[in-house]
Amino acid sequence: MASITPITAEDRRRLWHPRGTLCAVCRQPTRGFGWFDPHRSKQPRPSVWFCSMPCQSFWTRLARERFAMVDLTEEERAAITATMKRVALLMDEIGWATPLAELTEAQVRALIEEAVEGFREAMSDIARAQTPEVPF
């Protein structure tokens, strides 16, 4: 007769945690903070994951205000503006007169990385500024 090994807490955590998922706000790897749509009663409920409590709080506030909206939020517009400044600095190095078709693969990759990283950092900063500090 084969023995059955009990499931440990670590096994349950491994099954539950969304490995490889990125934060819905700043696109960093998640750390187990989640949100699901409380208005849907059928399973599976739409869910998103977060890297921190500030990002989770920020998303929840936005979800209460206008989850169904597809337009950019004020925060996303501010993050895009902050990102434009970073990309402009990189374009100064590349040269503004360089046509897009003449950029090297490394230059295009650098522009994309700068845009993504700038947006992620700006959204993370906005979420952190709008969420009160957790007292523990």
Protein backbone atom coordinates (compact mmCIF):
# COMPACT_ATOMS: atom_id res chain seq x y z
CA MET A 1 0.00 0.00 0.00
CA ALA A 2 1.44 3.36 -1.04
CA SER A 3 1.70 6.07 1.58
CA ILE A 4 0.20 9.47 0.86
CA THR A 5 2.43 12.42 1.65
CA PRO A 6 0.50 15.28 3.25
CA ILE A 7 0.51 18.66 1.49
CA THR A 8 2.66 21.15 3.35
CA ALA A 9 2.06 24.87 3.74
CA GLU A 10 4.93 25.49 1.31
CA ASP A 11 3.24 23.25 -1.29
CA ARG A 12 -0.04 25.17 -0.90
CA ARG A 13 1.77 28.50 -1.25
CA ARG A 14 3.51 27.29 -4.40
CA LEU A 15 0.18 26.28 -5.95
CA TRP A 16 -1.47 29.57 -4.99
CA HIS A 17 1.19 32.16 -5.88
CA PRO A 18 1.08 33.41 -9.49
CA ARG A 19 4.65 32.64 -10.54
CA GLY A 20 5.93 34.73 -13.43
CA THR A 21 3.10 37.27 -13.22
CA LEU A 22 3.93 40.98 -13.36
CA CYS A 23 2.44 43.70 -11.16
CA ALA A 24 -0.63 45.29 -12.75
CA VAL A 25 0.62 48.78 -11.82
CA CYS A 26 4.40 48.94 -12.18
CA ARG A 27 5.18 45.66 -14.03
CA GLN A 28 7.65 44.32 -11.44
CA PRO A 29 7.45 40.63 -10.45
CA THR A 30 4.54 40.00 -8.09
CA ARG A 31 4.99 39.12 -4.43
CA GLY A 32 1.62 37.61 -3.55
CA PHE A 33 -0.62 40.67 -3.26
CA GLY A 34 -3.78 40.11 -5.28
CA TRP A 35 -7.14 41.59 -6.25
CA PHE A 36 -10.24 40.00 -7.74
CA ASP A 37 -13.50 41.46 -9.02
CA PRO A 38 -15.90 41.27 -6.05
CA HIS A 39 -18.92 41.92 -8.28
CA ARG A 40 -18.59 38.75 -10.34
CA SER A 41 -20.13 35.73 -8.68
CA LYS A 42 -19.11 33.06 -11.19
CA GLN A 43 -15.70 31.44 -11.10
CA PRO A 44 -13.09 32.20 -12.26
CA ARG A 45 -13.23 35.82 -11.22
CA PRO A 46 -10.99 38.31 -13.05
CA SER A 47 -7.89 38.85 -10.95
CA VAL A 48 -4.67 40.84 -11.02
CA TRP A 49 -1.51 40.62 -8.94
CA PHE A 50 0.82 43.20 -7.39
CA CYS A 51 4.36 43.62 -6.10
CA SER A 52 3.43 45.64 -3.01
CA MET A 53 0.60 47.02 -0.90
CA PRO A 54 0.94 50.54 -2.38
CA CYS A 55 0.40 49.16 -5.89
CA GLN A 56 -2.51 47.03 -4.66
CA SER A 57 -4.13 50.01 -2.91
CA PHE A 58 -3.63 52.19 -5.95
CA TRP A 59 -5.29 49.63 -8.25
CA THR A 60 -8.19 49.09 -5.84
CA ARG A 61 -8.85 52.83 -5.68
CA LEU A 62 -8.85 53.06 -9.46
CA ALA A 63 -11.09 49.99 -9.73
CA ARG A 64 -13.65 51.61 -7.45
CA GLU A 65 -13.61 54.79 -9.51
CA ARG A 66 -13.66 53.47 -13.06
CA PHE A 67 -12.58 49.89 -13.62
CA ALA A 68 -14.48 49.58 -16.90
CA MET A 69 -12.92 52.69 -18.44
CA VAL A 70 -10.41 52.20 -21.24
CA ASP A 71 -9.15 55.81 -21.29
CA LEU A 72 -5.86 56.70 -19.68
CA THR A 73 -6.07 57.80 -16.06
CA GLU A 74 -4.53 61.04 -14.80
CA GLU A 75 -1.78 58.98 -13.16
CA GLU A 76 -1.00 57.14 -16.41
CA ARG A 77 -0.83 60.46 -18.27
CA ALA A 78 1.61 61.79 -15.65
CA ALA A 79 3.71 58.62 -15.95
CA ILE A 80 3.82 59.00 -19.74
CA THR A 81 4.98 62.61 -19.36
CA ALA A 82 7.75 61.51 -16.97
CA THR A 83 8.73 58.77 -19.44
CA MET A 84 8.89 61.22 -22.35
CA LYS A 85 11.60 63.18 -20.53
CA ARG A 86 13.72 60.04 -20.10
CA VAL A 87 13.27 58.98 -23.73
CA ALA A 88 14.13 62.52 -24.89
CA LEU A 89 17.46 62.34 -23.07
CA LEU A 90 18.27 59.11 -24.89
CA MET A 91 17.21 60.64 -28.21
CA ASP A 92 19.63 63.51 -27.53
CA GLU A 93 22.43 60.91 -27.44
CA ILE A 94 21.20 59.13 -30.58
CA GLY A 95 20.46 62.32 -32.49
CA TRP A 96 17.04 63.75 -33.26
CA ALA A 97 17.78 63.94 -36.99
CA THR A 98 18.30 60.16 -37.23
CA PRO A 99 15.35 58.58 -39.06
CA LEU A 100 13.62 55.77 -37.17
CA ALA A 101 14.40 53.30 -39.97
CA GLU A 102 18.13 53.98 -39.57
CA LEU A 103 18.31 53.18 -35.85
CA THR A 104 20.31 50.12 -34.94
CA GLU A 105 18.72 47.23 -33.10
CA ALA A 106 20.59 48.24 -29.94
CA GLN A 107 19.27 51.82 -30.19
CA VAL A 108 15.66 50.67 -30.67
CA ARG A 109 16.03 48.25 -27.75
CA ALA A 110 17.46 51.03 -25.57
CA LEU A 111 14.54 53.34 -26.46
CA ILE A 112 11.97 50.66 -25.64
CA GLU A 113 13.70 49.71 -22.38
CA GLU A 114 13.92 53.36 -21.35
CA ALA A 115 10.21 53.90 -22.09
CA VAL A 116 9.07 50.77 -20.24
CA GLU A 117 11.35 51.34 -17.25
CA GLY A 118 10.42 55.03 -17.06
CA PHE A 119 6.69 54.25 -17.11
CA ARG A 120 7.07 51.47 -14.52
CA GLU A 121 9.07 53.68 -12.16
CA ALA A 122 6.70 56.62 -12.56
CA MET A 123 3.61 54.47 -11.87
CA SER A 124 5.33 52.94 -8.84
CA ASP A 125 6.25 56.40 -7.51
CA ILE A 126 2.70 57.67 -8.04
CA ALA A 127 1.21 54.64 -6.27
CA ARG A 128 3.64 55.03 -3.36
CA ALA A 129 2.86 58.77 -3.03
CA GLN A 130 -0.90 58.22 -3.02
CA THR A 131 -0.92 55.35 -0.52
CA PRO A 132 -0.40 56.01 3.19
CA GLU A 133 2.49 54.21 4.87
CA VAL A 134 1.60 50.86 6.41
CA PRO A 135 2.32 51.07 10.18
CA PHE A 136 3.85 47.59 10.52
